[in-house]
Amino acid sequence: MRRHKPRWVYYKDVFRSKFQAGCLKAKLEDNWHHKYEVGPLVEVKRLKTNRYVVRYTYDEVM
């Protein structure tokens, strides 16, 4: 089986603090808790402008 890079989807907002982005990350992960679907991979990324974005993917094959 071949591995492929996940296709990331970026959330539309840019956050001033890592805490704000982390709250959204937790909310996205929590939506899939105890569900039958495979949950997304969720990351908080820091931009060069010292702001943060949240990106996620729900590719099932990793």
PDB file of N, CA and C in Angstrom:
ATOM      1  N   MET A   1       0.838  -1.182   0.000  1.00  0.00           N
ATOM      2  CA  MET A   1       0.000   0.000   0.000  1.00  0.00           C
ATOM      3  C   MET A   1       0.883   1.246   0.000  1.00  0.00           C
ATOM      4  N   ARG A   2       0.590   2.163  -0.856  1.00  0.00           N
ATOM      5  CA  ARG A   2       1.384   3.382  -0.978  1.00  0.00           C
ATOM      6  C   ARG A   2       0.902   4.459  -0.022  1.00  0.00           C
ATOM      7  N   ARG A   3       1.821   5.101   0.613  1.00  0.00           N
ATOM      8  CA  ARG A   3       1.465   6.231   1.479  1.00  0.00           C
ATOM      9  C   ARG A   3       1.396   7.495   0.632  1.00  0.00           C
ATOM     10  N   HIS A   4       0.515   8.372   0.988  1.00  0.00           N
ATOM     11  CA  HIS A   4       0.440   9.665   0.318  1.00  0.00           C
ATOM     12  C   HIS A   4       0.344  10.763   1.366  1.00  0.00           C
ATOM     13  N   LYS A   5       0.711  11.936   0.948  1.00  0.00           N
ATOM     14  CA  LYS A   5       0.621  13.072   1.861  1.00  0.00           C
ATOM     15  C   LYS A   5      -0.836  13.448   2.050  1.00  0.00           C
ATOM     16  N   PRO A   6      -1.231  13.764   3.267  1.00  0.00           N
ATOM     17  CA  PRO A   6      -2.623  14.167   3.477  1.00  0.00           C
ATOM     18  C   PRO A   6      -2.888  15.520   2.821  1.00  0.00           C
ATOM     19  N   ARG A   7      -4.094  15.686   2.398  1.00  0.00           N
ATOM     20  CA  ARG A   7      -4.509  16.971   1.811  1.00  0.00           C
ATOM     21  C   ARG A   7      -5.112  17.812   2.925  1.00  0.00           C
ATOM     22  N   TRP A   8      -4.465  18.910   3.217  1.00  0.00           N
ATOM     23  CA  TRP A   8      -4.866  19.748   4.350  1.00  0.00           C
ATOM     24  C   TRP A   8      -5.915  20.759   3.924  1.00  0.00           C
ATOM     25  N   VAL A   9      -6.864  20.983   4.799  1.00  0.00           N
ATOM     26  CA  VAL A   9      -7.885  22.010   4.647  1.00  0.00           C
ATOM     27  C   VAL A   9      -7.609  23.032   5.744  1.00  0.00           C
ATOM     28  N   TYR A  10      -7.482  24.295   5.361  1.00  0.00           N
ATOM     29  CA  TYR A  10      -7.201  25.346   6.344  1.00  0.00           C
ATOM     30  C   TYR A  10      -8.498  26.013   6.780  1.00  0.00           C
ATOM     31  N   TYR A  11      -8.655  26.170   8.094  1.00  0.00           N
ATOM     32  CA  TYR A  11      -9.815  26.873   8.626  1.00  0.00           C
ATOM     33  C   TYR A  11      -9.725  28.338   8.227  1.00  0.00           C
ATOM     34  N   LYS A  12     -10.863  28.970   7.991  1.00  0.00           N
ATOM     35  CA  LYS A  12     -10.879  30.309   7.397  1.00  0.00           C
ATOM     36  C   LYS A  12     -10.350  31.434   8.287  1.00  0.00           C
ATOM     37  N   ASP A  13     -10.292  31.233   9.588  1.00  0.00           N
ATOM     38  CA  ASP A  13      -9.858  32.302  10.498  1.00  0.00           C
ATOM     39  C   ASP A  13      -8.376  32.196  10.837  1.00  0.00           C
ATOM     40  N   VAL A  14      -7.785  33.351  11.125  1.00  0.00           N
ATOM     41  CA  VAL A  14      -6.411  33.429  11.624  1.00  0.00           C
ATOM     42  C   VAL A  14      -6.514  33.927  13.057  1.00  0.00           C
ATOM     43  N   PHE A  15      -5.819  33.263  13.976  1.00  0.00           N
ATOM     44  CA  PHE A  15      -5.949  33.568  15.393  1.00  0.00           C
ATOM     45  C   PHE A  15      -4.724  34.303  15.908  1.00  0.00           C
ATOM     46  N   ARG A  16      -4.941  35.195  16.865  1.00  0.00           N
ATOM     47  CA  ARG A  16      -3.842  35.962  17.457  1.00  0.00           C
ATOM     48  C   ARG A  16      -3.034  35.142  18.453  1.00  0.00           C
ATOM     49  N   SER A  17      -3.671  34.190  19.112  1.00  0.00           N
ATOM     50  CA  SER A  17      -2.954  33.414  20.126  1.00  0.00           C
ATOM     51  C   SER A  17      -3.066  31.912  19.838  1.00  0.00           C
ATOM     52  N   LYS A  18      -2.078  31.195  20.322  1.00  0.00           N
ATOM     53  CA  LYS A  18      -2.079  29.743  20.170  1.00  0.00           C
ATOM     54  C   LYS A  18      -3.217  29.126  20.982  1.00  0.00           C
ATOM     55  N   PHE A  19      -3.590  29.779  22.083  1.00  0.00           N
ATOM     56  CA  PHE A  19      -4.687  29.294  22.910  1.00  0.00           C
ATOM     57  C   PHE A  19      -5.995  29.289  22.127  1.00  0.00           C
ATOM     58  N   GLN A  20      -6.284  30.377  21.405  1.00  0.00           N
ATOM     59  CA  GLN A  20      -7.516  30.457  20.616  1.00  0.00           C
ATOM     60  C   GLN A  20      -7.550  29.363  19.557  1.00  0.00           C
ATOM     61  N   ALA A  21      -6.435  29.172  18.872  1.00  0.00           N
ATOM     62  CA  ALA A  21      -6.361  28.130  17.852  1.00  0.00           C
ATOM     63  C   ALA A  21      -6.492  26.747  18.480  1.00  0.00           C
ATOM     64  N   GLY A  22      -5.910  26.568  19.659  1.00  0.00           N
ATOM     65  CA  GLY A  22      -6.004  25.296  20.356  1.00  0.00           C
ATOM     66  C   GLY A  22      -7.423  24.953  20.775  1.00  0.00           C
ATOM     67  N   CYS A  23      -8.207  25.966  21.119  1.00  0.00           N
ATOM     68  CA  CYS A  23      -9.610  25.735  21.474  1.00  0.00           C
ATOM     69  C   CYS A  23     -10.387  25.215  20.268  1.00  0.00           C
ATOM     70  N   LEU A  24     -10.140  25.788  19.107  1.00  0.00           N
ATOM     71  CA  LEU A  24     -10.799  25.313  17.896  1.00  0.00           C
ATOM     72  C   LEU A  24     -10.338  23.897  17.554  1.00  0.00           C
ATOM     73  N   LYS A  25      -9.056  23.637  17.735  1.00  0.00           N
ATOM     74  CA  LYS A  25      -8.506  22.297  17.486  1.00  0.00           C
ATOM     75  C   LYS A  25      -9.214  21.271  18.357  1.00  0.00           C
ATOM     76  N   ALA A  26      -9.380  21.573  19.629  1.00  0.00           N
ATOM     77  CA  ALA A  26     -10.057  20.664  20.551  1.00  0.00           C
ATOM     78  C   ALA A  26     -11.511  20.449  20.143  1.00  0.00           C
ATOM     79  N   LYS A  27     -12.159  21.501  19.697  1.00  0.00           N
ATOM     80  CA  LYS A  27     -13.554  21.398  19.280  1.00  0.00           C
ATOM     81  C   LYS A  27     -13.692  20.513  18.043  1.00  0.00           C
ATOM     82  N   LEU A  28     -12.793  20.673  17.083  1.00  0.00           N
ATOM     83  CA  LEU A  28     -12.836  19.834  15.884  1.00  0.00           C
ATOM     84  C   LEU A  28     -12.583  18.372  16.220  1.00  0.00           C
ATOM     85  N   GLU A  29     -11.622  18.112  17.088  1.00  0.00           N
ATOM     86  CA  GLU A  29     -11.322  16.736  17.473  1.00  0.00           C
ATOM     87  C   GLU A  29     -12.464  16.125  18.280  1.00  0.00           C
ATOM     88  N   ASP A  30     -13.107  16.924  19.106  1.00  0.00           N
ATOM     89  CA  ASP A  30     -14.176  16.442  19.967  1.00  0.00           C
ATOM     90  C   ASP A  30     -15.418  16.049  19.176  1.00  0.00           C
ATOM     91  N   ASN A  31     -15.621  16.645  18.014  1.00  0.00           N
ATOM     92  CA  ASN A  31     -16.781  16.317  17.197  1.00  0.00           C
ATOM     93  C   ASN A  31     -16.760  14.865  16.728  1.00  0.00           C
ATOM     94  N   TRP A  32     -15.588  14.276  16.646  1.00  0.00           N
ATOM     95  CA  TRP A  32     -15.479  12.901  16.180  1.00  0.00           C
ATOM     96  C   TRP A  32     -15.308  11.904  17.333  1.00  0.00           C
ATOM     97  N   HIS A  33     -15.324  12.370  18.554  1.00  0.00           N
ATOM     98  CA  HIS A  33     -15.145  11.501  19.713  1.00  0.00           C
ATOM     99  C   HIS A  33     -16.341  10.554  19.826  1.00  0.00           C
ATOM    100  N   HIS A  34     -16.083   9.270  19.960  1.00  0.00           N
ATOM    101  CA  HIS A  34     -17.105   8.218  20.084  1.00  0.00           C
ATOM    102  C   HIS A  34     -17.991   8.104  18.844  1.00  0.00           C
ATOM    103  N   LYS A  35     -17.470   8.447  17.683  1.00  0.00           N
ATOM    104  CA  LYS A  35     -18.222   8.289  16.442  1.00  0.00           C
ATOM    105  C   LYS A  35     -17.651   7.098  15.685  1.00  0.00           C
ATOM    106  N   TYR A  36     -18.337   6.682  14.673  1.00  0.00           N
ATOM    107  CA  TYR A  36     -17.892   5.552  13.876  1.00  0.00           C
ATOM    108  C   TYR A  36     -16.957   5.980  12.755  1.00  0.00           C
ATOM    109  N   GLU A  37     -16.900   7.248  12.461  1.00  0.00           N
ATOM    110  CA  GLU A  37     -16.023   7.756  11.413  1.00  0.00           C
ATOM    111  C   GLU A  37     -14.596   7.885  11.933  1.00  0.00           C
ATOM    112  N   VAL A  38     -13.674   7.886  11.007  1.00  0.00           N
ATOM    113  CA  VAL A  38     -12.284   8.169  11.356  1.00  0.00           C
ATOM    114  C   VAL A  38     -12.165   9.676  11.493  1.00  0.00           C
ATOM    115  N   GLY A  39     -11.668  10.129  12.620  1.00  0.00           N
ATOM    116  CA  GLY A  39     -11.560  11.558  12.865  1.00  0.00           C
ATOM    117  C   GLY A  39     -10.439  12.197  12.063  1.00  0.00           C
ATOM    118  N   PRO A  40     -10.454  13.504  11.950  1.00  0.00           N
ATOM    119  CA  PRO A  40      -9.427  14.196  11.178  1.00  0.00           C
ATOM    120  C   PRO A  40      -8.128  14.350  11.971  1.00  0.00           C
ATOM    121  N   LEU A  41      -7.060  14.539  11.248  1.00  0.00           N
ATOM    122  CA  LEU A  41      -5.818  14.987  11.867  1.00  0.00           C
ATOM    123  C   LEU A  41      -5.940  16.496  11.957  1.00  0.00           C
ATOM    124  N   VAL A  42      -5.677  17.061  13.114  1.00  0.00           N
ATOM    125  CA  VAL A  42      -5.829  18.501  13.309  1.00  0.00           C
ATOM    126  C   VAL A  42      -4.514  19.053  13.831  1.00  0.00           C
ATOM    127  N   GLU A  43      -4.054  20.163  13.253  1.00  0.00           N
ATOM    128  CA  GLU A  43      -2.806  20.807  13.676  1.00  0.00           C
ATOM    129  C   GLU A  43      -3.000  22.303  13.831  1.00  0.00           C
ATOM    130  N   VAL A  44      -2.221  22.882  14.735  1.00  0.00           N
ATOM    131  CA  VAL A  44      -2.127  24.331  14.867  1.00  0.00           C
ATOM    132  C   VAL A  44      -0.772  24.715  14.281  1.00  0.00           C
ATOM    133  N   LYS A  45      -0.777  25.606  13.311  1.00  0.00           N
ATOM    134  CA  LYS A  45       0.461  26.037  12.650  1.00  0.00           C
ATOM    135  C   LYS A  45       0.691  27.518  12.923  1.00  0.00           C
ATOM    136  N   ARG A  46       1.952  27.867  13.193  1.00  0.00           N
ATOM    137  CA  ARG A  46       2.327  29.263  13.423  1.00  0.00           C
ATOM    138  C   ARG A  46       2.760  29.881  12.098  1.00  0.00           C
ATOM    139  N   LEU A  47       2.253  31.056  11.814  1.00  0.00           N
ATOM    140  CA  LEU A  47       2.629  31.784  10.608  1.00  0.00           C
ATOM    141  C   LEU A  47       3.833  32.675  10.885  1.00  0.00           C
ATOM    142  N   LYS A  48       4.432  33.190   9.850  1.00  0.00           N
ATOM    143  CA  LYS A  48       5.578  34.100  10.014  1.00  0.00           C
ATOM    144  C   LYS A  48       5.182  35.395  10.715  1.00  0.00           C
ATOM    145  N   THR A  49       3.909  35.732  10.682  1.00  0.00           N
ATOM    146  CA  THR A  49       3.411  36.959  11.310  1.00  0.00           C
ATOM    147  C   THR A  49       3.067  36.756  12.787  1.00  0.00           C
ATOM    148  N   ASN A  50       3.501  35.626  13.366  1.00  0.00           N
ATOM    149  CA  ASN A  50       3.218  35.271  14.761  1.00  0.00           C
ATOM    150  C   ASN A  50       1.721  35.158  15.040  1.00  0.00           C
ATOM    151  N   ARG A  51       0.988  34.720  14.059  1.00  0.00           N
ATOM    152  CA  ARG A  51      -0.411  34.362  14.227  1.00  0.00           C
ATOM    153  C   ARG A  51      -0.539  32.877  13.947  1.00  0.00           C
ATOM    154  N   TYR A  52      -1.693  32.326  14.225  1.00  0.00           N
ATOM    155  CA  TYR A  52      -1.864  30.881  14.145  1.00  0.00           C
ATOM    156  C   TYR A  52      -3.063  30.518  13.272  1.00  0.00           C
ATOM    157  N   VAL A  53      -2.933  29.416  12.560  1.00  0.00           N
ATOM    158  CA  VAL A  53      -4.026  28.875  11.774  1.00  0.00           C
ATOM    159  C   VAL A  53      -4.237  27.424  12.193  1.00  0.00           C
ATOM    160  N   VAL A  54      -5.438  26.943  11.942  1.00  0.00           N
ATOM    161  CA  VAL A  54      -5.771  25.551  12.222  1.00  0.00           C
ATOM    162  C   VAL A  54      -5.982  24.866  10.885  1.00  0.00           C
ATOM    163  N   ARG A  55      -5.351  23.721  10.727  1.00  0.00           N
ATOM    164  CA  ARG A  55      -5.568  22.951   9.512  1.00  0.00           C
ATOM    165  C   ARG A  55      -5.946  21.535   9.904  1.00  0.00           C
ATOM    166  N   TYR A  56      -6.738  20.916   9.043  1.00  0.00           N
ATOM    167  CA  TYR A  56      -7.198  19.564   9.352  1.00  0.00           C
ATOM    168  C   TYR A  56      -7.366  18.767   8.071  1.00  0.00           C
ATOM    169  N   THR A  57      -7.402  17.465   8.238  1.00  0.00           N
ATOM    170  CA  THR A  57      -7.651  16.550   7.135  1.00  0.00           C
ATOM    171  C   THR A  57      -8.466  15.392   7.646  1.00  0.00           C
ATOM    172  N   TYR A  58      -9.181  14.775   6.776  1.00  0.00           N
ATOM    173  CA  TYR A  58      -9.905  13.578   7.158  1.00  0.00           C
ATOM    174  C   TYR A  58      -9.655  12.463   6.152  1.00  0.00           C
ATOM    175  N   ASP A  59      -8.482  12.472   5.546  1.00  0.00           N
ATOM    176  CA  ASP A  59      -8.080  11.373   4.683  1.00  0.00           C
ATOM    177  C   ASP A  59      -7.970  10.118   5.520  1.00  0.00           C
ATOM    178  N   GLU A  60      -8.612   9.056   5.083  1.00  0.00           N
ATOM    179  CA  GLU A  60      -8.599   7.824   5.855  1.00  0.00           C
ATOM    180  C   GLU A  60      -7.340   6.998   5.609  1.00  0.00           C
ATOM    181  N   VAL A  61      -6.723   7.158   4.462  1.00  0.00           N
ATOM    182  CA  VAL A  61      -5.522   6.398   4.141  1.00  0.00           C
ATOM    183  C   VAL A  61      -4.323   7.258   4.457  1.00  0.00           C
ATOM    184  N   MET A  62      -3.420   6.757   5.311  1.00  0.00           N
ATOM    185  CA  MET A  62      -2.261   7.552   5.674  1.00  0.00           C
ATOM    186  C   MET A  62      -0.996   6.810   5.359  1.00  0.00           C
TER     187      MET A  62
END
